[in-house]
Amino acid sequence: GALPVKLWYSGSYYRYERPQKGRYRHFSQVGAEILGT
């Protein structure tokens, strides 16, 4: 369709890391993407 495509999202993400302050195995993010330009 019409470009660019601009999207945002929010949710839970997961990484098997050594837990410490500021680094969690389950964490929350907000993201944004611009596609097609």
Full PDB file with SEQRES, HELIX, SHEET, SSBOND, CRYST1, ORIGX, SCALE, CONECT and MASTER records, all heavy atoms in Angstrom:
SEQRES   1 A   37  GLY ALA LEU PRO VAL LYS LEU TRP TYR SER GLY SER TYR          
SEQRES   2 A   37  TYR ARG TYR GLU ARG PRO GLN LYS GLY ARG TYR ARG HIS          
SEQRES   3 A   37  PHE SER GLN VAL GLY ALA GLU ILE LEU GLY THR                  
SHEET    1 AA1 2 VAL A   5  TYR A  14  0                                        
SHEET    2 AA1 2 HIS A  26  LEU A  35 -1                                        
CRYST1    1.000    1.000    1.000  90.00  90.00  90.00 P 1           1          
ORIGX1      1.000000  0.000000  0.000000        0.00000                         
ORIGX2      0.000000  1.000000  0.000000        0.00000                         
ORIGX3      0.000000  0.000000  1.000000        0.00000                         
SCALE1      1.000000  0.000000  0.000000        0.00000                         
SCALE2      0.000000  1.000000  0.000000        0.00000                         
SCALE3      0.000000  0.000000  1.000000        0.00000                         
ATOM      1  N   GLY A   1       0.822  -1.207   0.000  1.00  0.00           N  
ATOM      2  CA  GLY A   1       0.000   0.000   0.000  1.00  0.00           C  
ATOM      3  C   GLY A   1       0.851   1.249   0.000  1.00  0.00           C  
ATOM      4  O   GLY A   1       1.993   1.255  -0.474  1.00  0.00           O  
ATOM      5  N   ALA A   2       0.284   2.314   0.541  1.00  0.00           N  
ATOM      6  CA  ALA A   2       0.999   3.590   0.587  1.00  0.00           C  
ATOM      7  C   ALA A   2       2.197   3.483   1.534  1.00  0.00           C  
ATOM      8  O   ALA A   2       2.095   2.935   2.622  1.00  0.00           O  
ATOM      9  CB  ALA A   2       0.060   4.699   1.053  1.00  0.00           C  
ATOM     10  N   LEU A   3       3.321   3.994   1.076  1.00  0.00           N  
ATOM     11  CA  LEU A   3       4.541   4.007   1.877  1.00  0.00           C  
ATOM     12  C   LEU A   3       4.903   5.444   2.243  1.00  0.00           C  
ATOM     13  O   LEU A   3       4.599   6.374   1.492  1.00  0.00           O  
ATOM     14  CB  LEU A   3       5.694   3.357   1.096  1.00  0.00           C  
ATOM     15  CG  LEU A   3       5.531   1.868   0.753  1.00  0.00           C  
ATOM     16  CD1 LEU A   3       6.695   1.387  -0.097  1.00  0.00           C  
ATOM     17  CD2 LEU A   3       5.418   1.026   2.018  1.00  0.00           C  
ATOM     18  N   PRO A   4       5.546   5.657   3.378  1.00  0.00           N  
ATOM     19  CA  PRO A   4       6.018   4.639   4.313  1.00  0.00           C  
ATOM     20  C   PRO A   4       4.910   4.126   5.227  1.00  0.00           C  
ATOM     21  O   PRO A   4       3.888   4.777   5.410  1.00  0.00           O  
ATOM     22  CB  PRO A   4       7.088   5.381   5.120  1.00  0.00           C  
ATOM     23  CG  PRO A   4       6.609   6.804   5.137  1.00  0.00           C  
ATOM     24  CD  PRO A   4       5.984   7.021   3.780  1.00  0.00           C  
ATOM     25  N   VAL A   5       5.144   2.947   5.796  1.00  0.00           N  
ATOM     26  CA  VAL A   5       4.279   2.383   6.824  1.00  0.00           C  
ATOM     27  C   VAL A   5       4.880   2.745   8.172  1.00  0.00           C  
ATOM     28  O   VAL A   5       6.043   2.453   8.439  1.00  0.00           O  
ATOM     29  CB  VAL A   5       4.188   0.848   6.694  1.00  0.00           C  
ATOM     30  CG1 VAL A   5       3.329   0.265   7.811  1.00  0.00           C  
ATOM     31  CG2 VAL A   5       3.629   0.464   5.330  1.00  0.00           C  
ATOM     32  N   LYS A   6       4.078   3.403   9.030  1.00  0.00           N  
ATOM     33  CA  LYS A   6       4.554   3.820  10.347  1.00  0.00           C  
ATOM     34  C   LYS A   6       3.754   3.083  11.419  1.00  0.00           C  
ATOM     35  O   LYS A   6       2.529   3.192  11.467  1.00  0.00           O  
ATOM     36  CB  LYS A   6       4.393   5.334  10.535  1.00  0.00           C  
ATOM     37  CG  LYS A   6       5.237   6.170   9.585  1.00  0.00           C  
ATOM     38  CD  LYS A   6       5.115   7.658   9.897  1.00  0.00           C  
ATOM     39  CE  LYS A   6       6.014   8.490   9.014  1.00  0.00           C  
ATOM     40  NZ  LYS A   6       5.972   9.938   9.372  1.00  0.00           N  
ATOM     41  N   LEU A   7       4.457   2.328  12.257  1.00  0.00           N  
ATOM     42  CA  LEU A   7       3.804   1.482  13.242  1.00  0.00           C  
ATOM     43  C   LEU A   7       4.467   1.625  14.610  1.00  0.00           C  
ATOM     44  O   LEU A   7       5.665   1.906  14.708  1.00  0.00           O  
ATOM     45  CB  LEU A   7       3.884   0.011  12.808  1.00  0.00           C  
ATOM     46  CG  LEU A   7       3.223  -0.349  11.473  1.00  0.00           C  
ATOM     47  CD1 LEU A   7       3.601  -1.761  11.059  1.00  0.00           C  
ATOM     48  CD2 LEU A   7       1.712  -0.207  11.565  1.00  0.00           C  
ATOM     49  N   TRP A   8       3.668   1.388  15.658  1.00  0.00           N  
ATOM     50  CA  TRP A   8       4.229   1.310  17.008  1.00  0.00           C  
ATOM     51  C   TRP A   8       3.639   0.095  17.705  1.00  0.00           C  
ATOM     52  O   TRP A   8       2.596  -0.424  17.298  1.00  0.00           O  
ATOM     53  CB  TRP A   8       3.962   2.596  17.804  1.00  0.00           C  
ATOM     54  CG  TRP A   8       2.549   2.777  18.306  1.00  0.00           C  
ATOM     55  CD1 TRP A   8       1.504   3.334  17.621  1.00  0.00           C  
ATOM     56  CD2 TRP A   8       2.038   2.422  19.594  1.00  0.00           C  
ATOM     57  NE1 TRP A   8       0.367   3.339  18.398  1.00  0.00           N  
ATOM     58  CE2 TRP A   8       0.669   2.795  19.618  1.00  0.00           C  
ATOM     59  CE3 TRP A   8       2.594   1.842  20.730  1.00  0.00           C  
ATOM     60  CZ2 TRP A   8      -0.140   2.587  20.743  1.00  0.00           C  
ATOM     61  CZ3 TRP A   8       1.792   1.638  21.845  1.00  0.00           C  
ATOM     62  CH2 TRP A   8       0.441   2.006  21.838  1.00  0.00           C  
ATOM     63  N   TYR A   9       4.309  -0.357  18.741  1.00  0.00           N  
ATOM     64  CA  TYR A   9       3.876  -1.559  19.451  1.00  0.00           C  
ATOM     65  C   TYR A   9       4.378  -1.492  20.878  1.00  0.00           C  
ATOM     66  O   TYR A   9       5.265  -0.698  21.229  1.00  0.00           O  
ATOM     67  CB  TYR A   9       4.404  -2.816  18.755  1.00  0.00           C  
ATOM     68  CG  TYR A   9       5.879  -2.787  18.450  1.00  0.00           C  
ATOM     69  CD1 TYR A   9       6.802  -3.337  19.330  1.00  0.00           C  
ATOM     70  CD2 TYR A   9       6.356  -2.198  17.280  1.00  0.00           C  
ATOM     71  CE1 TYR A   9       8.161  -3.302  19.064  1.00  0.00           C  
ATOM     72  CE2 TYR A   9       7.716  -2.155  17.000  1.00  0.00           C  
ATOM     73  CZ  TYR A   9       8.609  -2.703  17.894  1.00  0.00           C  
ATOM     74  OH  TYR A   9       9.951  -2.660  17.634  1.00  0.00           O  
ATOM     75  N   SER A  10       3.822  -2.337  21.714  1.00  0.00           N  
ATOM     76  CA  SER A  10       4.183  -2.353  23.128  1.00  0.00           C  
ATOM     77  C   SER A  10       3.926  -3.746  23.668  1.00  0.00           C  
ATOM     78  O   SER A  10       2.951  -4.389  23.279  1.00  0.00           O  
ATOM     79  CB  SER A  10       3.357  -1.321  23.908  1.00  0.00           C  
ATOM     80  OG  SER A  10       3.600  -1.403  25.291  1.00  0.00           O  
ATOM     81  N   GLY A  11       4.808  -4.211  24.554  1.00  0.00           N  
ATOM     82  CA  GLY A  11       4.562  -5.523  25.112  1.00  0.00           C  
ATOM     83  C   GLY A  11       5.730  -6.084  25.880  1.00  0.00           C  
ATOM     84  O   GLY A  11       6.666  -5.369  26.239  1.00  0.00           O  
ATOM     85  N   SER A  12       5.673  -7.398  26.110  1.00  0.00           N  
ATOM     86  CA  SER A  12       6.679  -8.108  26.884  1.00  0.00           C  
ATOM     87  C   SER A  12       7.669  -8.808  25.962  1.00  0.00           C  
ATOM     88  O   SER A  12       7.286  -9.349  24.916  1.00  0.00           O  
ATOM     89  CB  SER A  12       6.008  -9.144  27.790  1.00  0.00           C  
ATOM     90  OG  SER A  12       5.189  -8.522  28.755  1.00  0.00           O  
ATOM     91  N   TYR A  13       8.932  -8.827  26.393  1.00  0.00           N  
ATOM     92  CA  TYR A  13      10.003  -9.471  25.641  1.00  0.00           C  
ATOM     93  C   TYR A  13      10.839 -10.300  26.614  1.00  0.00           C  
ATOM     94  O   TYR A  13      10.799 -10.071  27.829  1.00  0.00           O  
ATOM     95  CB  TYR A  13      10.851  -8.424  24.899  1.00  0.00           C  
ATOM     96  CG  TYR A  13      10.008  -7.696  23.885  1.00  0.00           C  
ATOM     97  CD1 TYR A  13       9.202  -6.617  24.266  1.00  0.00           C  
ATOM     98  CD2 TYR A  13       9.948  -8.125  22.572  1.00  0.00           C  
ATOM     99  CE1 TYR A  13       8.379  -5.993  23.355  1.00  0.00           C  
ATOM    100  CE2 TYR A  13       9.118  -7.496  21.650  1.00  0.00           C  
ATOM    101  CZ  TYR A  13       8.341  -6.432  22.043  1.00  0.00           C  
ATOM    102  OH  TYR A  13       7.515  -5.823  21.145  1.00  0.00           O  
ATOM    103  N   TYR A  14      11.618 -11.248  26.067  1.00  0.00           N  
ATOM    104  CA  TYR A  14      12.244 -12.254  26.916  1.00  0.00           C  
ATOM    105  C   TYR A  14      13.670 -12.543  26.451  1.00  0.00           C  
ATOM    106  O   TYR A  14      13.903 -12.813  25.275  1.00  0.00           O  
ATOM    107  CB  TYR A  14      11.430 -13.556  26.885  1.00  0.00           C  
ATOM    108  CG  TYR A  14       9.951 -13.347  27.105  1.00  0.00           C  
ATOM    109  CD1 TYR A  14       9.103 -13.037  26.036  1.00  0.00           C  
ATOM    110  CD2 TYR A  14       9.395 -13.424  28.378  1.00  0.00           C  
ATOM    111  CE1 TYR A  14       7.746 -12.828  26.236  1.00  0.00           C  
ATOM    112  CE2 TYR A  14       8.041 -13.220  28.582  1.00  0.00           C  
ATOM    113  CZ  TYR A  14       7.224 -12.913  27.507  1.00  0.00           C  
ATOM    114  OH  TYR A  14       5.885 -12.703  27.703  1.00  0.00           O  
ATOM    115  N   ARG A  15      14.607 -12.504  27.399  1.00  0.00           N  
ATOM    116  CA  ARG A  15      15.984 -12.903  27.102  1.00  0.00           C  
ATOM    117  C   ARG A  15      16.553 -13.634  28.306  1.00  0.00           C  
ATOM    118  O   ARG A  15      16.395 -13.183  29.445  1.00  0.00           O  
ATOM    119  CB  ARG A  15      16.868 -11.682  26.768  1.00  0.00           C  
ATOM    120  CG  ARG A  15      16.455 -10.970  25.488  1.00  0.00           C  
ATOM    121  CD  ARG A  15      17.421  -9.860  25.130  1.00  0.00           C  
ATOM    122  NE  ARG A  15      16.908  -9.057  24.033  1.00  0.00           N  
ATOM    123  CZ  ARG A  15      17.518  -7.985  23.529  1.00  0.00           C  
ATOM    124  NH1 ARG A  15      18.685  -7.597  24.038  1.00  0.00           N  
ATOM    125  NH2 ARG A  15      16.990  -7.309  22.534  1.00  0.00           N  
ATOM    126  N   TYR A  16      17.232 -14.744  28.027  1.00  0.00           N  
ATOM    127  CA  TYR A  16      17.825 -15.514  29.105  1.00  0.00           C  
ATOM    128  C   TYR A  16      19.167 -14.884  29.468  1.00  0.00           C  
ATOM    129  O   TYR A  16      20.220 -15.232  28.923  1.00  0.00           O  
ATOM    130  CB  TYR A  16      18.007 -16.977  28.690  1.00  0.00           C  
ATOM    131  CG  TYR A  16      18.422 -17.861  29.846  1.00  0.00           C  
ATOM    132  CD1 TYR A  16      17.473 -18.351  30.728  1.00  0.00           C  
ATOM    133  CD2 TYR A  16      19.761 -18.174  30.070  1.00  0.00           C  
ATOM    134  CE1 TYR A  16      17.831 -19.144  31.806  1.00  0.00           C  
ATOM    135  CE2 TYR A  16      20.136 -18.971  31.143  1.00  0.00           C  
ATOM    136  CZ  TYR A  16      19.174 -19.445  32.005  1.00  0.00           C  
ATOM    137  OH  TYR A  16      19.533 -20.223  33.077  1.00  0.00           O  
ATOM    138  N   GLU A  17      19.131 -13.917  30.379  1.00  0.00           N  
ATOM    139  CA  GLU A  17      20.324 -13.202  30.806  1.00  0.00           C  
ATOM    140  C   GLU A  17      20.513 -13.371  32.308  1.00  0.00           C  
ATOM    141  O   GLU A  17      19.603 -13.784  33.021  1.00  0.00           O  
ATOM    142  CB  GLU A  17      20.202 -11.709  30.475  1.00  0.00           C  
ATOM    143  CG  GLU A  17      20.053 -11.415  28.996  1.00  0.00           C  
ATOM    144  CD  GLU A  17      20.104  -9.934  28.692  1.00  0.00           C  
ATOM    145  OE1 GLU A  17      19.101  -9.258  28.948  1.00  0.00           O  
ATOM    146  OE2 GLU A  17      21.138  -9.472  28.222  1.00  0.00           O  
ATOM    147  N   ARG A  18      21.706 -13.020  32.784  1.00  0.00           N  
ATOM    148  CA  ARG A  18      21.958 -13.051  34.217  1.00  0.00           C  
ATOM    149  C   ARG A  18      21.214 -11.888  34.853  1.00  0.00           C  
ATOM    150  O   ARG A  18      21.539 -10.730  34.599  1.00  0.00           O  
ATOM    151  CB  ARG A  18      23.451 -12.941  34.491  1.00  0.00           C  
ATOM    152  CG  ARG A  18      23.817 -12.999  35.970  1.00  0.00           C  
ATOM    153  CD  ARG A  18      25.308 -13.244  36.113  1.00  0.00           C  
ATOM    154  NE  ARG A  18      26.082 -12.193  35.457  1.00  0.00           N  
ATOM    155  CZ  ARG A  18      26.543 -11.116  36.088  1.00  0.00           C  
ATOM    156  NH1 ARG A  18      26.298 -10.936  37.371  1.00  0.00           N  
ATOM    157  NH2 ARG A  18      27.247 -10.205  35.434  1.00  0.00           N  
ATOM    158  N   PRO A  19      20.178 -12.162  35.656  1.00  0.00           N  
ATOM    159  CA  PRO A  19      19.366 -11.071  36.199  1.00  0.00           C  
ATOM    160  C   PRO A  19      20.194 -10.118  37.056  1.00  0.00           C  
ATOM    161  O   PRO A  19      21.019 -10.531  37.869  1.00  0.00           O  
ATOM    162  CB  PRO A  19      18.305 -11.794  37.042  1.00  0.00           C  
ATOM    163  CG  PRO A  19      18.257 -13.176  36.483  1.00  0.00           C  
ATOM    164  CD  PRO A  19      19.662 -13.480  36.067  1.00  0.00           C  
ATOM    165  N   GLN A  20      19.999  -8.833  36.854  1.00  0.00           N  
ATOM    166  CA  GLN A  20      20.618  -7.784  37.651  1.00  0.00           C  
ATOM    167  C   GLN A  20      19.779  -6.532  37.481  1.00  0.00           C  
ATOM    168  O   GLN A  20      18.848  -6.498  36.673  1.00  0.00           O  
ATOM    169  CB  GLN A  20      22.060  -7.530  37.216  1.00  0.00           C  
ATOM    170  CG  GLN A  20      22.206  -7.209  35.726  1.00  0.00           C  
ATOM    171  CD  GLN A  20      23.645  -7.037  35.322  1.00  0.00           C  
ATOM    172  OE1 GLN A  20      24.287  -6.080  35.730  1.00  0.00           O  
ATOM    173  NE2 GLN A  20      24.167  -7.966  34.516  1.00  0.00           N  
ATOM    174  N   LYS A  21      20.088  -5.507  38.243  1.00  0.00           N  
ATOM    175  CA  LYS A  21      19.303  -4.284  38.149  1.00  0.00           C  
ATOM    176  C   LYS A  21      19.386  -3.719  36.732  1.00  0.00           C  
ATOM    177  O   LYS A  21      20.460  -3.474  36.206  1.00  0.00           O  
ATOM    178  CB  LYS A  21      19.820  -3.245  39.149  1.00  0.00           C  
ATOM    179  CG  LYS A  21      18.959  -1.992  39.207  1.00  0.00           C  
ATOM    180  CD  LYS A  21      19.437  -1.049  40.290  1.00  0.00           C  
ATOM    181  CE  LYS A  21      18.537   0.179  40.382  1.00  0.00           C  
ATOM    182  NZ  LYS A  21      18.969   1.114  41.439  1.00  0.00           N  
ATOM    183  N   GLY A  22      18.215  -3.551  36.119  1.00  0.00           N  
ATOM    184  CA  GLY A  22      18.161  -3.021  34.770  1.00  0.00           C  
ATOM    185  C   GLY A  22      18.255  -4.062  33.678  1.00  0.00           C  
ATOM    186  O   GLY A  22      18.130  -3.734  32.506  1.00  0.00           O  
ATOM    187  N   ARG A  23      18.498  -5.310  34.041  1.00  0.00           N  
ATOM    188  CA  ARG A  23      18.566  -6.387  33.048  1.00  0.00           C  
ATOM    189  C   ARG A  23      17.735  -7.550  33.559  1.00  0.00           C  
ATOM    190  O   ARG A  23      18.093  -8.212  34.524  1.00  0.00           O  
ATOM    191  CB  ARG A  23      20.013  -6.813  32.806  1.00  0.00           C  
ATOM    192  CG  ARG A  23      20.148  -8.000  31.858  1.00  0.00           C  
ATOM    193  CD  ARG A  23      21.588  -8.258  31.482  1.00  0.00           C  
ATOM    194  NE  ARG A  23      22.047  -7.308  30.478  1.00  0.00           N  
ATOM    195  CZ  ARG A  23      23.291  -7.298  29.986  1.00  0.00           C  
ATOM    196  NH1 ARG A  23      24.175  -8.159  30.426  1.00  0.00           N  
ATOM    197  NH2 ARG A  23      23.617  -6.405  29.069  1.00  0.00           N  
ATOM    198  N   TYR A  24      16.598  -7.788  32.891  1.00  0.00           N  
ATOM    199  CA  TYR A  24      15.651  -8.789  33.353  1.00  0.00           C  
ATOM    200  C   TYR A  24      15.390  -9.811  32.256  1.00  0.00           C  
ATOM    201  O   TYR A  24      15.509  -9.512  31.064  1.00  0.00           O  
ATOM    202  CB  TYR A  24      14.335  -8.121  33.762  1.00  0.00           C  
ATOM    203  CG  TYR A  24      14.523  -6.951  34.707  1.00  0.00           C  
ATOM    204  CD1 TYR A  24      14.175  -5.665  34.333  1.00  0.00           C  
ATOM    205  CD2 TYR A  24      15.070  -7.146  35.974  1.00  0.00           C  
ATOM    206  CE1 TYR A  24      14.355  -4.597  35.193  1.00  0.00           C  
ATOM    207  CE2 TYR A  24      15.257  -6.085  36.839  1.00  0.00           C  
ATOM    208  CZ  TYR A  24      14.893  -4.808  36.446  1.00  0.00           C  
ATOM    209  OH  TYR A  24      15.088  -3.752  37.301  1.00  0.00           O  
ATOM    210  N   ARG A  25      14.982 -10.993  32.674  1.00  0.00           N  
ATOM    211  CA  ARG A  25      14.639 -12.017  31.686  1.00  0.00           C  
ATOM    212  C   ARG A  25      13.281 -11.767  31.048  1.00  0.00           C  
ATOM    213  O   ARG A  25      13.030 -12.214  29.934  1.00  0.00           O  
ATOM    214  CB  ARG A  25      14.695 -13.396  32.349  1.00  0.00           C  
ATOM    215  CG  ARG A  25      16.111 -13.783  32.738  1.00  0.00           C  
ATOM    216  CD  ARG A  25      16.183 -15.121  33.454  1.00  0.00           C  
ATOM    217  NE  ARG A  25      17.581 -15.497  33.684  1.00  0.00           N  
ATOM    218  CZ  ARG A  25      17.968 -16.579  34.324  1.00  0.00           C  
ATOM    219  NH1 ARG A  25      17.057 -17.411  34.822  1.00  0.00           N  
ATOM    220  NH2 ARG A  25      19.236 -16.845  34.473  1.00  0.00           N  
ATOM    221  N   HIS A  26      12.430 -11.094  31.757  1.00  0.00           N  
ATOM    222  CA  HIS A  26      11.152 -10.633  31.204  1.00  0.00           C  
ATOM    223  C   HIS A  26      11.125  -9.128  31.358  1.00  0.00           C  
ATOM    224  O   HIS A  26      11.244  -8.612  32.463  1.00  0.00           O  
ATOM    225  CB  HIS A  26       9.981 -11.272  31.951  1.00  0.00           C  
ATOM    226  CG  HIS A  26       8.667 -10.614  31.649  1.00  0.00           C  
ATOM    227  ND1 HIS A  26       7.902 -10.009  32.615  1.00  0.00           N  
ATOM    228  CD2 HIS A  26       7.997 -10.441  30.495  1.00  0.00           C  
ATOM    229  CE1 HIS A  26       6.816  -9.503  32.066  1.00  0.00           C  
ATOM    230  NE2 HIS A  26       6.851  -9.759  30.779  1.00  0.00           N  
ATOM    231  N   PHE A  27      11.009  -8.413  30.248  1.00  0.00           N  
ATOM    232  CA  PHE A  27      11.053  -6.960  30.304  1.00  0.00           C  
ATOM    233  C   PHE A  27      10.018  -6.367  29.353  1.00  0.00           C  
ATOM    234  O   PHE A  27       9.461  -7.064  28.501  1.00  0.00           O  
ATOM    235  CB  PHE A  27      12.455  -6.433  29.980  1.00  0.00           C  
ATOM    236  CG  PHE A  27      13.018  -6.915  28.662  1.00  0.00           C  
ATOM    237  CD1 PHE A  27      12.943  -6.136  27.522  1.00  0.00           C  
ATOM    238  CD2 PHE A  27      13.636  -8.160  28.568  1.00  0.00           C  
ATOM    239  CE1 PHE A  27      13.460  -6.574  26.312  1.00  0.00           C  
ATOM    240  CE2 PHE A  27      14.161  -8.615  27.363  1.00  0.00           C  
ATOM    241  CZ  PHE A  27      14.074  -7.822  26.232  1.00  0.00           C  
ATOM    242  N   SER A  28       9.782  -5.079  29.522  1.00  0.00           N  
ATOM    243  CA  SER A  28       8.717  -4.403  28.772  1.00  0.00           C  
ATOM    244  C   SER A  28       9.303  -3.303  27.897  1.00  0.00           C  
ATOM    245  O   SER A  28      10.188  -2.567  28.332  1.00  0.00           O  
ATOM    246  CB  SER A  28       7.698  -3.812  29.752  1.00  0.00           C  
ATOM    247  OG  SER A  28       6.667  -3.163  29.074  1.00  0.00           O  
ATOM    248  N   GLN A  29       8.810  -3.208  26.670  1.00  0.00           N  
ATOM    249  CA  GLN A  29       9.299  -2.195  25.733  1.00  0.00           C  
ATOM    250  C   GLN A  29       8.150  -1.545  24.970  1.00  0.00           C  
ATOM    251  O   GLN A  29       7.084  -2.124  24.811  1.00  0.00           O  
ATOM    252  CB  GLN A  29      10.247  -2.824  24.702  1.00  0.00           C  
ATOM    253  CG  GLN A  29      11.583  -3.251  25.240  1.00  0.00           C  
ATOM    254  CD  GLN A  29      12.499  -3.762  24.141  1.00  0.00           C  
ATOM    255  OE1 GLN A  29      12.046  -4.184  23.070  1.00  0.00           O  
ATOM    256  NE2 GLN A  29      13.802  -3.735  24.380  1.00  0.00           N  
ATOM    257  N   VAL A  30       8.426  -0.347  24.480  1.00  0.00           N  
ATOM    258  CA  VAL A  30       7.607   0.294  23.457  1.00  0.00           C  
ATOM    259  C   VAL A  30       8.505   0.461  22.242  1.00  0.00           C  
ATOM    260  O   VAL A  30       9.663   0.894  22.378  1.00  0.00           O  
ATOM    261  CB  VAL A  30       7.076   1.657  23.922  1.00  0.00           C  
ATOM    262  CG1 VAL A  30       6.366   2.380  22.773  1.00  0.00           C  
ATOM    263  CG2 VAL A  30       6.121   1.486  25.092  1.00  0.00           C  
ATOM    264  N   GLY A  31       8.010   0.088  21.076  1.00  0.00           N  
ATOM    265  CA  GLY A  31       8.814   0.177  19.865  1.00  0.00           C  
ATOM    266  C   GLY A  31       8.095   0.941  18.771  1.00  0.00           C  
ATOM    267  O   GLY A  31       6.873   1.099  18.796  1.00  0.00           O  
ATOM    268  N   ALA A  32       8.863   1.406  17.792  1.00  0.00           N  
ATOM    269  CA  ALA A  32       8.302   2.124  16.652  1.00  0.00           C  
ATOM    270  C   ALA A  32       9.131   1.806  15.415  1.00  0.00           C  
ATOM    271  O   ALA A  32      10.359   1.665  15.507  1.00  0.00           O  
ATOM    272  CB  ALA A  32       8.297   3.624  16.910  1.00  0.00           C  
ATOM    273  N   GLU A  33       8.479   1.699  14.272  1.00  0.00           N  
ATOM    274  CA  GLU A  33       9.164   1.394  13.015  1.00  0.00           C  
ATOM    275  C   GLU A  33       8.592   2.253  11.893  1.00  0.00           C  
ATOM    276  O   GLU A  33       7.386   2.522  11.852  1.00  0.00           O  
ATOM    277  CB  GLU A  33       8.969  -0.089  12.630  1.00  0.00           C  
ATOM    278  CG  GLU A  33       9.122  -1.100  13.758  1.00  0.00           C  
ATOM    279  CD  GLU A  33      10.543  -1.266  14.249  1.00  0.00           C  
ATOM    280  OE1 GLU A  33      11.485  -0.825  13.549  1.00  0.00           O  
ATOM    281  OE2 GLU A  33      10.719  -1.851  15.337  1.00  0.00           O  
ATOM    282  N   ILE A  34       9.467   2.686  10.996  1.00  0.00           N  
ATOM    283  CA  ILE A  34       9.063   3.331   9.742  1.00  0.00           C  
ATOM    284  C   ILE A  34       9.612   2.477   8.610  1.00  0.00           C  
ATOM    285  O   ILE A  34      10.828   2.280   8.503  1.00  0.00           O  
ATOM    286  CB  ILE A  34       9.602   4.764   9.623  1.00  0.00           C  
ATOM    287  CG1 ILE A  34       9.106   5.630  10.789  1.00  0.00           C  
ATOM    288  CG2 ILE A  34       9.176   5.387   8.295  1.00  0.00           C  
ATOM    289  CD1 ILE A  34       9.633   7.063  10.751  1.00  0.00           C  
ATOM    290  N   LEU A  35       8.734   1.960   7.758  1.00  0.00           N  
ATOM    291  CA  LEU A  35       9.127   1.043   6.693  1.00  0.00           C  
ATOM    292  C   LEU A  35       8.814   1.623   5.326  1.00  0.00           C  
ATOM    293  O   LEU A  35       7.744   2.217   5.121  1.00  0.00           O  
ATOM    294  CB  LEU A  35       8.397  -0.289   6.855  1.00  0.00           C  
ATOM    295  CG  LEU A  35       8.648  -1.027   8.175  1.00  0.00           C  
ATOM    296  CD1 LEU A  35       7.637  -2.144   8.362  1.00  0.00           C  
ATOM    297  CD2 LEU A  35      10.055  -1.571   8.195  1.00  0.00           C  
ATOM    298  N   GLY A  36       9.757   1.470   4.394  1.00  0.00           N  
ATOM    299  CA  GLY A  36       9.502   1.850   3.019  1.00  0.00           C  
ATOM    300  C   GLY A  36      10.126   3.163   2.594  1.00  0.00           C  
ATOM    301  O   GLY A  36       9.736   3.713   1.567  1.00  0.00           O  
ATOM    302  N   THR A  37      11.092   3.673   3.351  1.00  0.00           N  
ATOM    303  CA  THR A  37      11.749   4.919   2.961  1.00  0.00           C  
ATOM    304  C   THR A  37      13.183   4.923   3.457  1.00  0.00           C  
ATOM    305  O   THR A  37      13.484   4.382   4.522  1.00  0.00           O  
ATOM    306  CB  THR A  37      11.013   6.138   3.523  1.00  0.00           C  
ATOM    307  OG1 THR A  37      11.738   7.333   3.176  1.00  0.00           O  
ATOM    308  CG2 THR A  37      10.891   6.080   5.029  1.00  0.00           C  
TER     309      THR A  37                                                      
MASTER        0    0    0    0    2    0    0    6  308    1    0    3          
END                                                                             
